[in-house]
PDB file of N, CA and C in Angstrom:
ATOM      1  N   PRO A   1     -82.131  38.379 -25.714  1.00  0.00           N
ATOM      2  CA  PRO A   1     -81.612  38.972 -24.483  1.00  0.00           C
ATOM      3  C   PRO A   1     -80.133  39.296 -24.621  1.00  0.00           C
ATOM      4  N   PRO A   2     -79.665  40.355 -23.947  1.00  0.00           N
ATOM      5  CA  PRO A   2     -78.245  40.697 -24.036  1.00  0.00           C
ATOM      6  C   PRO A   2     -77.380  39.592 -23.441  1.00  0.00           C
ATOM      7  N   GLN A   3     -76.226  39.426 -24.031  1.00  0.00           N
ATOM      8  CA  GLN A   3     -75.296  38.430 -23.512  1.00  0.00           C
ATOM      9  C   GLN A   3     -74.562  39.011 -22.316  1.00  0.00           C
ATOM     10  N   GLN A   4     -74.348  38.188 -21.318  1.00  0.00           N
ATOM     11  CA  GLN A   4     -73.619  38.639 -20.145  1.00  0.00           C
ATOM     12  C   GLN A   4     -72.245  38.012 -20.138  1.00  0.00           C
ATOM     13  N   GLY A   5     -71.331  38.665 -19.445  1.00  0.00           N
ATOM     14  CA  GLY A   5     -69.988  38.128 -19.337  1.00  0.00           C
ATOM     15  C   GLY A   5     -69.082  38.531 -20.490  1.00  0.00           C
ATOM     16  N   LEU A   6     -69.565  39.411 -21.372  1.00  0.00           N
ATOM     17  CA  LEU A   6     -68.728  39.886 -22.463  1.00  0.00           C
ATOM     18  C   LEU A   6     -67.950  41.112 -22.012  1.00  0.00           C
ATOM     19  N   MET A   7     -66.766  41.275 -22.555  1.00  0.00           N
ATOM     20  CA  MET A   7     -65.977  42.452 -22.260  1.00  0.00           C
ATOM     21  C   MET A   7     -65.848  43.263 -23.539  1.00  0.00           C
ATOM     22  N   VAL A   8     -66.032  44.570 -23.419  1.00  0.00           N
ATOM     23  CA  VAL A   8     -65.889  45.473 -24.552  1.00  0.00           C
ATOM     24  C   VAL A   8     -64.682  46.345 -24.274  1.00  0.00           C
ATOM     25  N   ALA A   9     -63.783  46.446 -25.239  1.00  0.00           N
ATOM     26  CA  ALA A   9     -62.589  47.265 -25.084  1.00  0.00           C
ATOM     27  C   ALA A   9     -62.596  48.361 -26.159  1.00  0.00           C
ATOM     28  N   PRO A  10     -63.138  49.547 -25.836  1.00  0.00           N
ATOM     29  CA  PRO A  10     -63.139  50.641 -26.818  1.00  0.00           C
ATOM     30  C   PRO A  10     -61.715  51.093 -27.107  1.00  0.00           C
ATOM     31  N   ILE A  11     -61.481  51.471 -28.342  1.00  0.00           N
ATOM     32  CA  ILE A  11     -60.162  51.942 -28.746  1.00  0.00           C
ATOM     33  C   ILE A  11     -60.337  53.294 -29.424  1.00  0.00           C
ATOM     34  N   VAL A  12     -59.599  54.284 -28.943  1.00  0.00           N
ATOM     35  CA  VAL A  12     -59.614  55.613 -29.529  1.00  0.00           C
ATOM     36  C   VAL A  12     -58.346  55.757 -30.344  1.00  0.00           C
ATOM     37  N   ALA A  13     -58.507  56.149 -31.613  1.00  0.00           N
ATOM     38  CA  ALA A  13     -57.342  56.251 -32.487  1.00  0.00           C
ATOM     39  C   ALA A  13     -57.550  57.341 -33.521  1.00  0.00           C
ATOM     40  N   ASN A  14     -56.456  57.898 -33.996  1.00  0.00           N
ATOM     41  CA  ASN A  14     -56.493  58.827 -35.116  1.00  0.00           C
ATOM     42  C   ASN A  14     -56.189  58.006 -36.361  1.00  0.00           C
ATOM     43  N   LEU A  15     -57.171  57.864 -37.237  1.00  0.00           N
ATOM     44  CA  LEU A  15     -57.019  57.041 -38.439  1.00  0.00           C
ATOM     45  C   LEU A  15     -56.646  57.852 -39.664  1.00  0.00           C
ATOM     46  N   GLY A  16     -56.364  59.137 -39.466  1.00  0.00           N
ATOM     47  CA  GLY A  16     -56.027  59.990 -40.598  1.00  0.00           C
ATOM     48  C   GLY A  16     -57.283  60.464 -41.299  1.00  0.00           C
ATOM     49  N   PRO A  17     -57.133  61.012 -42.506  1.00  0.00           N
ATOM     50  CA  PRO A  17     -58.296  61.525 -43.240  1.00  0.00           C
ATOM     51  C   PRO A  17     -59.327  60.428 -43.507  1.00  0.00           C
ATOM     52  N   LEU A  18     -60.566  60.723 -43.203  1.00  0.00           N
ATOM     53  CA  LEU A  18     -61.628  59.735 -43.384  1.00  0.00           C
ATOM     54  C   LEU A  18     -61.806  59.341 -44.843  1.00  0.00           C
ATOM     55  N   GLU A  19     -61.501  60.260 -45.752  1.00  0.00           N
ATOM     56  CA  GLU A  19     -61.642  59.961 -47.179  1.00  0.00           C
ATOM     57  C   GLU A  19     -60.733  58.821 -47.624  1.00  0.00           C
ATOM     58  N   ASN A  20     -59.647  58.605 -46.883  1.00  0.00           N
ATOM     59  CA  ASN A  20     -58.680  57.578 -47.257  1.00  0.00           C
ATOM     60  C   ASN A  20     -59.018  56.202 -46.688  1.00  0.00           C
ATOM     61  N   LEU A  21     -60.080  56.110 -45.895  1.00  0.00           N
ATOM     62  CA  LEU A  21     -60.432  54.843 -45.260  1.00  0.00           C
ATOM     63  C   LEU A  21     -61.365  54.019 -46.136  1.00  0.00           C
ATOM     64  N   THR A  22     -61.151  52.729 -46.133  1.00  0.00           N
ATOM     65  CA  THR A  22     -62.079  51.790 -46.755  1.00  0.00           C
ATOM     66  C   THR A  22     -62.567  50.872 -45.654  1.00  0.00           C
ATOM     67  N   LEU A  23     -63.820  51.057 -45.276  1.00  0.00           N
ATOM     68  CA  LEU A  23     -64.385  50.267 -44.198  1.00  0.00           C
ATOM     69  C   LEU A  23     -65.307  49.199 -44.776  1.00  0.00           C
ATOM     70  N   THR A  24     -65.224  47.994 -44.249  1.00  0.00           N
ATOM     71  CA  THR A  24     -66.081  46.901 -44.720  1.00  0.00           C
ATOM     72  C   THR A  24     -66.765  46.254 -43.516  1.00  0.00           C
ATOM     73  N   PRO A  25     -67.839  46.893 -43.042  1.00  0.00           N
ATOM     74  CA  PRO A  25     -68.526  46.348 -41.865  1.00  0.00           C
ATOM     75  C   PRO A  25     -69.308  45.090 -42.209  1.00  0.00           C
ATOM     76  N   ASN A  26     -69.597  44.300 -41.199  1.00  0.00           N
ATOM     77  CA  ASN A  26     -70.418  43.109 -41.353  1.00  0.00           C
ATOM     78  C   ASN A  26     -71.861  43.574 -41.572  1.00  0.00           C
ATOM     79  N   PRO A  27     -72.450  43.308 -42.740  1.00  0.00           N
ATOM     80  CA  PRO A  27     -73.806  43.796 -43.025  1.00  0.00           C
ATOM     81  C   PRO A  27     -74.872  43.189 -42.105  1.00  0.00           C
ATOM     82  N   ASP A  28     -74.576  42.089 -41.445  1.00  0.00           N
ATOM     83  CA  ASP A  28     -75.517  41.515 -40.487  1.00  0.00           C
ATOM     84  C   ASP A  28     -75.543  42.302 -39.174  1.00  0.00           C
ATOM     85  N   GLU A  29     -74.519  43.119 -38.953  1.00  0.00           N
ATOM     86  CA  GLU A  29     -74.422  43.863 -37.701  1.00  0.00           C
ATOM     87  C   GLU A  29     -74.474  45.374 -37.881  1.00  0.00           C
ATOM     88  N   VAL A  30     -74.112  45.871 -39.068  1.00  0.00           N
ATOM     89  CA  VAL A  30     -74.000  47.314 -39.300  1.00  0.00           C
ATOM     90  C   VAL A  30     -74.825  47.701 -40.513  1.00  0.00           C
ATOM     91  N   ALA A  31     -75.819  48.582 -40.307  1.00  0.00           N
ATOM     92  CA  ALA A  31     -76.652  49.032 -41.415  1.00  0.00           C
ATOM     93  C   ALA A  31     -76.025  50.220 -42.138  1.00  0.00           C
ATOM     94  N   GLU A  32     -75.317  51.072 -41.384  1.00  0.00           N
ATOM     95  CA  GLU A  32     -74.763  52.291 -41.963  1.00  0.00           C
ATOM     96  C   GLU A  32     -73.626  52.796 -41.096  1.00  0.00           C
ATOM     97  N   ILE A  33     -72.649  53.434 -41.725  1.00  0.00           N
ATOM     98  CA  ILE A  33     -71.530  54.050 -41.009  1.00  0.00           C
ATOM     99  C   ILE A  33     -71.660  55.558 -41.178  1.00  0.00           C
ATOM    100  N   PHE A  34     -71.494  56.298 -40.084  1.00  0.00           N
ATOM    101  CA  PHE A  34     -71.458  57.751 -40.164  1.00  0.00           C
ATOM    102  C   PHE A  34     -70.453  58.256 -39.141  1.00  0.00           C
ATOM    103  N   THR A  35     -69.990  59.459 -39.334  1.00  0.00           N
ATOM    104  CA  THR A  35     -69.013  60.054 -38.422  1.00  0.00           C
ATOM    105  C   THR A  35     -69.600  61.321 -37.817  1.00  0.00           C
ATOM    106  N   LEU A  36     -69.106  61.666 -36.647  1.00  0.00           N
ATOM    107  CA  LEU A  36     -69.510  62.889 -35.969  1.00  0.00           C
ATOM    108  C   LEU A  36     -68.267  63.615 -35.481  1.00  0.00           C
ATOM    109  N   PRO A  37     -68.128  64.893 -35.817  1.00  0.00           N
ATOM    110  CA  PRO A  37     -66.993  65.653 -35.298  1.00  0.00           C
ATOM    111  C   PRO A  37     -67.109  65.831 -33.787  1.00  0.00           C
ATOM    112  N   LEU A  38     -65.994  65.943 -33.125  1.00  0.00           N
ATOM    113  CA  LEU A  38     -65.964  66.164 -31.689  1.00  0.00           C
ATOM    114  C   LEU A  38     -66.767  67.411 -31.330  1.00  0.00           C
ATOM    115  N   ALA A  39     -66.627  68.474 -32.118  1.00  0.00           N
ATOM    116  CA  ALA A  39     -67.358  69.715 -31.843  1.00  0.00           C
ATOM    117  C   ALA A  39     -68.869  69.479 -31.851  1.00  0.00           C
ATOM    118  N   HIS A  40     -69.353  68.616 -32.722  1.00  0.00           N
ATOM    119  CA  HIS A  40     -70.786  68.292 -32.787  1.00  0.00           C
ATOM    120  C   HIS A  40     -71.233  67.590 -31.502  1.00  0.00           C
ATOM    121  N   LEU A  41     -70.441  66.635 -31.052  1.00  0.00           N
ATOM    122  CA  LEU A  41     -70.777  65.895 -29.832  1.00  0.00           C
ATOM    123  C   LEU A  41     -70.792  66.782 -28.597  1.00  0.00           C
ATOM    124  N   LEU A  42     -69.994  67.850 -28.615  1.00  0.00           N
ATOM    125  CA  LEU A  42     -69.892  68.729 -27.453  1.00  0.00           C
ATOM    126  C   LEU A  42     -71.002  69.778 -27.388  1.00  0.00           C
ATOM    127  N   ARG A  43     -71.760  69.963 -28.472  1.00  0.00           N
ATOM    128  CA  ARG A  43     -72.856  70.935 -28.449  1.00  0.00           C
ATOM    129  C   ARG A  43     -74.026  70.379 -27.641  1.00  0.00           C
ATOM    130  N   GLU A  44     -74.497  71.174 -26.680  1.00  0.00           N
ATOM    131  CA  GLU A  44     -75.567  70.708 -25.792  1.00  0.00           C
ATOM    132  C   GLU A  44     -76.826  70.308 -26.547  1.00  0.00           C
ATOM    133  N   GLU A  45     -77.123  70.989 -27.656  1.00  0.00           N
ATOM    134  CA  GLU A  45     -78.344  70.668 -28.399  1.00  0.00           C
ATOM    135  C   GLU A  45     -78.278  69.291 -29.070  1.00  0.00           C
ATOM    136  N   ASN A  46     -77.093  68.697 -29.125  1.00  0.00           N
ATOM    137  CA  ASN A  46     -76.926  67.362 -29.710  1.00  0.00           C
ATOM    138  C   ASN A  46     -76.819  66.273 -28.646  1.00  0.00           C
ATOM    139  N   GLN A  47     -76.984  66.656 -27.381  1.00  0.00           N
ATOM    140  CA  GLN A  47     -76.867  65.709 -26.268  1.00  0.00           C
ATOM    141  C   GLN A  47     -78.226  65.540 -25.599  1.00  0.00           C
ATOM    142  N   GLY A  48     -78.501  64.349 -25.162  1.00  0.00           N
ATOM    143  CA  GLY A  48     -79.746  64.112 -24.451  1.00  0.00           C
ATOM    144  C   GLY A  48     -79.636  62.850 -23.630  1.00  0.00           C
ATOM    145  N   TYR A  49     -80.769  62.445 -23.082  1.00  0.00           N
ATOM    146  CA  TYR A  49     -80.820  61.227 -22.280  1.00  0.00           C
ATOM    147  C   TYR A  49     -82.099  60.470 -22.593  1.00  0.00           C
ATOM    148  N   THR A  50     -82.033  59.175 -22.528  1.00  0.00           N
ATOM    149  CA  THR A  50     -83.185  58.305 -22.721  1.00  0.00           C
ATOM    150  C   THR A  50     -83.506  57.654 -21.384  1.00  0.00           C
ATOM    151  N   HIS A  51     -84.779  57.683 -21.026  1.00  0.00           N
ATOM    152  CA  HIS A  51     -85.224  57.098 -19.762  1.00  0.00           C
ATOM    153  C   HIS A  51     -85.909  55.773 -20.062  1.00  0.00           C
ATOM    154  N   PHE A  52     -85.489  54.740 -19.396  1.00  0.00           N
ATOM    155  CA  PHE A  52     -86.088  53.418 -19.566  1.00  0.00           C
ATOM    156  C   PHE A  52     -86.947  53.110 -18.347  1.00  0.00           C
ATOM    157  N   ARG A  53     -88.120  52.555 -18.598  1.00  0.00           N
ATOM    158  CA  ARG A  53     -89.068  52.274 -17.521  1.00  0.00           C
ATOM    159  C   ARG A  53     -89.149  50.776 -17.238  1.00  0.00           C
ATOM    160  N   THR A  54     -89.353  50.493 -16.001  1.00  0.00           N
ATOM    161  CA  THR A  54     -89.626  49.126 -15.566  1.00  0.00           C
ATOM    162  C   THR A  54     -90.849  49.185 -14.668  1.00  0.00           C
ATOM    163  N   ALA A  55     -91.870  48.455 -15.012  1.00  0.00           N
ATOM    164  CA  ALA A  55     -93.112  48.421 -14.228  1.00  0.00           C
ATOM    165  C   ALA A  55     -93.687  49.821 -14.025  1.00  0.00           C
ATOM    166  N   GLY A  56     -93.641  50.648 -15.111  1.00  0.00           N
ATOM    167  CA  GLY A  56     -94.241  51.974 -15.051  1.00  0.00           C
ATOM    168  C   GLY A  56     -93.423  53.029 -14.340  1.00  0.00           C
ATOM    169  N   ARG A  57     -92.223  52.696 -13.902  1.00  0.00           N
ATOM    170  CA  ARG A  57     -91.361  53.655 -13.216  1.00  0.00           C
ATOM    171  C   ARG A  57     -90.059  53.798 -13.974  1.00  0.00           C
ATOM    172  N   TYR A  58     -89.387  54.961 -13.847  1.00  0.00           N
ATOM    173  CA  TYR A  58     -88.060  55.106 -14.436  1.00  0.00           C
ATOM    174  C   TYR A  58     -87.096  54.214 -13.679  1.00  0.00           C
ATOM    175  N   SER A  59     -86.360  53.425 -14.405  1.00  0.00           N
ATOM    176  CA  SER A  59     -85.414  52.574 -13.708  1.00  0.00           C
ATOM    177  C   SER A  59     -83.970  52.968 -14.009  1.00  0.00           C
ATOM    178  N   TYR A  60     -83.727  53.493 -15.196  1.00  0.00           N
ATOM    179  CA  TYR A  60     -82.377  53.985 -15.472  1.00  0.00           C
ATOM    180  C   TYR A  60     -82.396  54.951 -16.639  1.00  0.00           C
ATOM    181  N   THR A  61     -81.352  55.758 -16.732  1.00  0.00           N
ATOM    182  CA  THR A  61     -81.224  56.794 -17.748  1.00  0.00           C
ATOM    183  C   THR A  61     -79.891  56.605 -18.451  1.00  0.00           C
ATOM    184  N   LEU A  62     -79.920  56.683 -19.767  1.00  0.00           N
ATOM    185  CA  LEU A  62     -78.699  56.533 -20.564  1.00  0.00           C
ATOM    186  C   LEU A  62     -78.533  57.722 -21.505  1.00  0.00           C
ATOM    187  N   PRO A  63     -77.287  58.069 -21.845  1.00  0.00           N
ATOM    188  CA  PRO A  63     -77.069  59.187 -22.754  1.00  0.00           C
ATOM    189  C   PRO A  63     -77.483  58.828 -24.175  1.00  0.00           C
ATOM    190  N   VAL A  64     -77.773  59.866 -24.956  1.00  0.00           N
ATOM    191  CA  VAL A  64     -78.029  59.722 -26.394  1.00  0.00           C
ATOM    192  C   VAL A  64     -77.445  60.962 -27.064  1.00  0.00           C
ATOM    193  N   PHE A  65     -76.851  60.759 -28.229  1.00  0.00           N
ATOM    194  CA  PHE A  65     -76.295  61.860 -29.015  1.00  0.00           C
ATOM    195  C   PHE A  65     -77.068  61.925 -30.322  1.00  0.00           C
ATOM    196  N   LEU A  66     -77.492  63.129 -30.707  1.00  0.00           N
ATOM    197  CA  LEU A  66     -78.339  63.317 -31.874  1.00  0.00           C
ATOM    198  C   LEU A  66     -77.536  63.841 -33.055  1.00  0.00           C
ATOM    199  N   ASN A  67     -77.914  63.376 -34.253  1.00  0.00           N
ATOM    200  CA  ASN A  67     -77.276  63.830 -35.486  1.00  0.00           C
ATOM    201  C   ASN A  67     -78.262  63.623 -36.621  1.00  0.00           C
ATOM    202  N   GLY A  68     -79.143  64.582 -36.837  1.00  0.00           N
ATOM    203  CA  GLY A  68     -80.122  64.442 -37.913  1.00  0.00           C
ATOM    204  C   GLY A  68     -80.922  63.166 -37.734  1.00  0.00           C
ATOM    205  N   PRO A  69     -80.955  62.323 -38.754  1.00  0.00           N
ATOM    206  CA  PRO A  69     -81.741  61.088 -38.644  1.00  0.00           C
ATOM    207  C   PRO A  69     -81.078  60.024 -37.769  1.00  0.00           C
ATOM    208  N   HIS A  70     -79.831  60.243 -37.406  1.00  0.00           N
ATOM    209  CA  HIS A  70     -79.102  59.252 -36.617  1.00  0.00           C
ATOM    210  C   HIS A  70     -79.140  59.582 -35.135  1.00  0.00           C
ATOM    211  N   LYS A  71     -79.187  58.539 -34.326  1.00  0.00           N
ATOM    212  CA  LYS A  71     -79.054  58.671 -32.879  1.00  0.00           C
ATOM    213  C   LYS A  71     -77.987  57.687 -32.427  1.00  0.00           C
ATOM    214  N   VAL A  72     -77.062  58.181 -31.631  1.00  0.00           N
ATOM    215  CA  VAL A  72     -76.067  57.308 -31.008  1.00  0.00           C
ATOM    216  C   VAL A  72     -76.612  57.003 -29.620  1.00  0.00           C
ATOM    217  N   TRP A  73     -76.883  55.735 -29.341  1.00  0.00           N
ATOM    218  CA  TRP A  73     -77.497  55.359 -28.075  1.00  0.00           C
ATOM    219  C   TRP A  73     -76.917  54.032 -27.606  1.00  0.00           C
ATOM    220  N   GLY A  74     -77.426  53.538 -26.497  1.00  0.00           N
ATOM    221  CA  GLY A  74     -76.971  52.245 -25.982  1.00  0.00           C
ATOM    222  C   GLY A  74     -75.523  52.282 -25.548  1.00  0.00           C
ATOM    223  N   LEU A  75     -74.862  51.152 -25.709  1.00  0.00           N
ATOM    224  CA  LEU A  75     -73.474  51.023 -25.278  1.00  0.00           C
ATOM    225  C   LEU A  75     -72.563  52.010 -26.009  1.00  0.00           C
ATOM    226  N   THR A  76     -72.844  52.282 -27.278  1.00  0.00           N
ATOM    227  CA  THR A  76     -72.023  53.238 -28.035  1.00  0.00           C
ATOM    228  C   THR A  76     -72.095  54.622 -27.402  1.00  0.00           C
ATOM    229  N   ALA A  77     -73.287  55.051 -26.982  1.00  0.00           N
ATOM    230  CA  ALA A  77     -73.432  56.362 -26.343  1.00  0.00           C
ATOM    231  C   ALA A  77     -72.747  56.395 -24.983  1.00  0.00           C
ATOM    232  N   ILE A  78     -72.823  55.309 -24.244  1.00  0.00           N
ATOM    233  CA  ILE A  78     -72.144  55.251 -22.942  1.00  0.00           C
ATOM    234  C   ILE A  78     -70.639  55.394 -23.140  1.00  0.00           C
ATOM    235  N   ILE A  79     -70.094  54.670 -24.104  1.00  0.00           N
ATOM    236  CA  ILE A  79     -68.654  54.750 -24.385  1.00  0.00           C
ATOM    237  C   ILE A  79     -68.293  56.148 -24.872  1.00  0.00           C
ATOM    238  N   THR A  80     -69.141  56.748 -25.707  1.00  0.00           N
ATOM    239  CA  THR A  80     -68.891  58.105 -26.205  1.00  0.00           C
ATOM    240  C   THR A  80     -68.883  59.097 -25.057  1.00  0.00           C
ATOM    241  N   GLU A  81     -69.843  58.990 -24.149  1.00  0.00           N
ATOM    242  CA  GLU A  81     -69.907  59.901 -23.008  1.00  0.00           C
ATOM    243  C   GLU A  81     -68.659  59.767 -22.128  1.00  0.00           C
ATOM    244  N   LEU A  82     -68.261  58.553 -21.827  1.00  0.00           N
ATOM    245  CA  LEU A  82     -67.057  58.338 -21.009  1.00  0.00           C
ATOM    246  C   LEU A  82     -65.807  58.868 -21.704  1.00  0.00           C
ATOM    247  N   THR A  83     -65.745  58.719 -23.022  1.00  0.00           N
ATOM    248  CA  THR A  83     -64.604  59.225 -23.789  1.00  0.00           C
ATOM    249  C   THR A  83     -64.560  60.749 -23.750  1.00  0.00           C
ATOM    250  N   LEU A  84     -65.712  61.401 -23.902  1.00  0.00           N
ATOM    251  CA  LEU A  84     -65.753  62.864 -23.827  1.00  0.00           C
ATOM    252  C   LEU A  84     -65.329  63.352 -22.445  1.00  0.00           C
ATOM    253  N   GLU A  85     -65.740  62.644 -21.405  1.00  0.00           N
ATOM    254  CA  GLU A  85     -65.338  63.020 -20.048  1.00  0.00           C
ATOM    255  C   GLU A  85     -63.832  62.949 -19.881  1.00  0.00           C
ATOM    256  N   LEU A  86     -63.190  61.999 -20.553  1.00  0.00           N
ATOM    257  CA  LEU A  86     -61.732  61.861 -20.469  1.00  0.00           C
ATOM    258  C   LEU A  86     -60.994  62.842 -21.368  1.00  0.00           C
ATOM    259  N   LEU A  87     -61.496  63.038 -22.590  1.00  0.00           N
ATOM    260  CA  LEU A  87     -60.804  63.890 -23.570  1.00  0.00           C
ATOM    261  C   LEU A  87     -60.965  65.370 -23.298  1.00  0.00           C
ATOM    262  N   VAL A  88     -62.162  65.789 -22.898  1.00  0.00           N
ATOM    263  CA  VAL A  88     -62.441  67.216 -22.709  1.00  0.00           C
ATOM    264  C   VAL A  88     -63.250  67.444 -21.432  1.00  0.00           C
ATOM    265  N   PRO A  89     -62.649  67.116 -20.280  1.00  0.00           N
ATOM    266  CA  PRO A  89     -63.398  67.232 -19.020  1.00  0.00           C
ATOM    267  C   PRO A  89     -63.877  68.658 -18.727  1.00  0.00           C
ATOM    268  N   GLU A  90     -63.187  69.656 -19.247  1.00  0.00           N
ATOM    269  CA  GLU A  90     -63.595  71.039 -18.988  1.00  0.00           C
ATOM    270  C   GLU A  90     -64.810  71.459 -19.822  1.00  0.00           C
ATOM    271  N   ARG A  91     -65.127  70.691 -20.867  1.00  0.00           N
ATOM    272  CA  ARG A  91     -66.256  71.050 -21.737  1.00  0.00           C
ATOM    273  C   ARG A  91     -67.396  70.067 -21.657  1.00  0.00           C
ATOM    274  N   TYR A  92     -67.169  68.871 -21.073  1.00  0.00           N
ATOM    275  CA  TYR A  92     -68.253  67.894 -21.008  1.00  0.00           C
ATOM    276  C   TYR A  92     -68.494  67.473 -19.589  1.00  0.00           C
TER     277      TYR A  92
END
């Protein structure tokens, strides 16, 4: 079950060229790292929503971002959607 009472603090930063980064994620938590350009996230064909059901009815809808075999969903998609609303309100 999800833990309650946790606080998540997303941080938006320019880390420079991605080629210069050495990332060492925790393999117990991260299977793969991938990046998505802002322009990709803003294309409508890469945006969608997932509907979750409770007792046979829709109970809530969450955003999802598509990228080939990858899907950005859950809390990451919620944070991404809120970030796009702040960064480019005229386009998202």
